[in-house]
Amino acid sequence: MIGPVFVDTNILVYDRDKRDLDKHARAQEWMAALWQRPGLGVVSTQVLTEFYWTVTRTLRPGLDKDVARRYVGSP
C-alpha cells in the first residue's frame, strides 16, 4: 500500500502553467493519479500559500485571484 504523497508547490503550479508543456503534462498526470485515490495527495498551508502567490503574481499569464482562491479551496 502506498502512503500519503506530499504534493509540492511546483506540481500545483505546473498543473496550471502551460509554458513548459512537458512539465505541465507530467504535473497533470500526477494530479489525475492523486485524484483517483482520495486521501493519497496531501498539501500544507505553506504550499497553498506559495501556489496562490505564484499563480496570481509571478505566473504570466497569471490566474485571476478568485479563480486561484477556488483552486485552493478558500471561500
C-alpha atoms as a PDB file:
ATOM      1  CA  MET A   1       0.000   0.000   0.000  1.00  0.00           C
ATOM      2  CA  ILE A   2       1.225   3.478  -0.850  1.00  0.00           C
ATOM      3  CA  GLY A   3       1.139   6.029   1.948  1.00  0.00           C
ATOM      4  CA  PRO A   4       0.251   9.709   1.596  1.00  0.00           C
ATOM      5  CA  VAL A   5       2.153  11.654  -1.076  1.00  0.00           C
ATOM      6  CA  PHE A   6       3.165  15.215  -0.222  1.00  0.00           C
ATOM      7  CA  VAL A   7       2.376  17.470  -3.184  1.00  0.00           C
ATOM      8  CA  ASP A   8       4.934  20.234  -3.642  1.00  0.00           C
ATOM      9  CA  THR A   9       4.097  23.718  -4.892  1.00  0.00           C
ATOM     10  CA  ASN A  10       5.733  23.031  -8.243  1.00  0.00           C
ATOM     11  CA  ILE A  11       3.265  20.260  -9.074  1.00  0.00           C
ATOM     12  CA  LEU A  12       0.318  22.573  -8.421  1.00  0.00           C
ATOM     13  CA  VAL A  13       1.891  25.429 -10.409  1.00  0.00           C
ATOM     14  CA  TYR A  14       2.909  23.276 -13.395  1.00  0.00           C
ATOM     15  CA  ASP A  15      -0.609  21.833 -13.423  1.00  0.00           C
ATOM     16  CA  ARG A  16      -1.817  25.353 -14.296  1.00  0.00           C
ATOM     17  CA  ASP A  17       1.227  26.642 -16.256  1.00  0.00           C
ATOM     18  CA  LYS A  18       1.351  25.677 -19.932  1.00  0.00           C
ATOM     19  CA  ARG A  19       4.639  27.396 -20.799  1.00  0.00           C
ATOM     20  CA  ASP A  20       6.631  24.155 -20.362  1.00  0.00           C
ATOM     21  CA  LEU A  21       4.423  21.511 -21.916  1.00  0.00           C
ATOM     22  CA  ASP A  22       6.477  18.553 -20.631  1.00  0.00           C
ATOM     23  CA  LYS A  23       6.258  19.739 -17.014  1.00  0.00           C
ATOM     24  CA  HIS A  24       2.602  20.636 -17.492  1.00  0.00           C
ATOM     25  CA  ALA A  25       1.784  17.155 -18.812  1.00  0.00           C
ATOM     26  CA  ARG A  26       3.683  15.397 -16.015  1.00  0.00           C
ATOM     27  CA  ALA A  27       2.007  17.532 -13.352  1.00  0.00           C
ATOM     28  CA  GLN A  28      -1.403  16.777 -14.840  1.00  0.00           C
ATOM     29  CA  GLU A  29      -0.601  13.051 -14.750  1.00  0.00           C
ATOM     30  CA  TRP A  30       0.337  13.298 -11.062  1.00  0.00           C
ATOM     31  CA  MET A  31      -2.777  15.276 -10.218  1.00  0.00           C
ATOM     32  CA  ALA A  32      -5.011  12.796 -12.068  1.00  0.00           C
ATOM     33  CA  ALA A  33      -3.400   9.872 -10.244  1.00  0.00           C
ATOM     34  CA  LEU A  34      -3.809  11.590  -6.874  1.00  0.00           C
ATOM     35  CA  TRP A  35      -7.488  12.360  -7.561  1.00  0.00           C
ATOM     36  CA  GLN A  36      -8.156   8.697  -8.316  1.00  0.00           C
ATOM     37  CA  ARG A  37      -7.240   7.709  -4.754  1.00  0.00           C
ATOM     38  CA  PRO A  38      -8.901  10.043  -2.222  1.00  0.00           C
ATOM     39  CA  GLY A  39      -6.580  10.983   0.617  1.00  0.00           C
ATOM     40  CA  LEU A  40      -3.436   9.968  -1.266  1.00  0.00           C
ATOM     41  CA  GLY A  41      -2.214  13.502  -2.005  1.00  0.00           C
ATOM     42  CA  VAL A  42      -1.592  15.930   0.845  1.00  0.00           C
ATOM     43  CA  VAL A  43      -0.552  19.596   0.851  1.00  0.00           C
ATOM     44  CA  SER A  44       0.413  22.051   3.533  1.00  0.00           C
ATOM     45  CA  THR A  45      -0.887  25.539   4.143  1.00  0.00           C
ATOM     46  CA  GLN A  46       2.529  26.832   3.081  1.00  0.00           C
ATOM     47  CA  VAL A  47       2.273  25.042  -0.277  1.00  0.00           C
ATOM     48  CA  LEU A  48      -1.193  26.501  -0.898  1.00  0.00           C
ATOM     49  CA  THR A  49       0.076  29.986   0.016  1.00  0.00           C
ATOM     50  CA  GLU A  50       3.081  29.635  -2.296  1.00  0.00           C
ATOM     51  CA  PHE A  51       0.833  28.373  -5.090  1.00  0.00           C
ATOM     52  CA  TYR A  52      -1.568  31.314  -4.695  1.00  0.00           C
ATOM     53  CA  TRP A  53       1.302  33.829  -4.671  1.00  0.00           C
ATOM     54  CA  THR A  54       2.969  32.267  -7.714  1.00  0.00           C
ATOM     55  CA  VAL A  55      -0.099  31.939  -9.931  1.00  0.00           C
ATOM     56  CA  THR A  56      -1.511  35.380  -9.125  1.00  0.00           C
ATOM     57  CA  ARG A  57       1.689  37.437  -9.006  1.00  0.00           C
ATOM     58  CA  THR A  58       4.544  35.802 -10.894  1.00  0.00           C
ATOM     59  CA  LEU A  59       2.985  33.449 -13.463  1.00  0.00           C
ATOM     60  CA  ARG A  60       2.400  35.060 -16.856  1.00  0.00           C
ATOM     61  CA  PRO A  61      -0.358  34.883 -17.755  1.00  0.00           C
ATOM     62  CA  GLY A  62      -1.488  34.545 -14.189  1.00  0.00           C
ATOM     63  CA  LEU A  63      -4.714  33.315 -12.697  1.00  0.00           C
ATOM     64  CA  ASP A  64      -7.438  35.642 -11.549  1.00  0.00           C
ATOM     65  CA  LYS A  65      -7.380  35.888  -7.736  1.00  0.00           C
ATOM     66  CA  ASP A  66     -10.912  34.480  -7.428  1.00  0.00           C
ATOM     67  CA  VAL A  67     -10.014  31.507  -9.623  1.00  0.00           C
ATOM     68  CA  ALA A  68      -6.858  30.879  -7.577  1.00  0.00           C
ATOM     69  CA  ARG A  69      -8.872  31.025  -4.341  1.00  0.00           C
ATOM     70  CA  ARG A  70     -11.326  28.453  -5.657  1.00  0.00           C
ATOM     71  CA  TYR A  71      -8.439  26.250  -6.756  1.00  0.00           C
ATOM     72  CA  VAL A  72      -7.031  26.143  -3.207  1.00  0.00           C
ATOM     73  CA  GLY A  73     -10.484  25.749  -1.683  1.00  0.00           C
ATOM     74  CA  SER A  74     -10.823  29.138   0.006  1.00  0.00           C
ATOM     75  CA  PRO A  75     -14.180  30.891   0.005  1.00  0.00           C
END
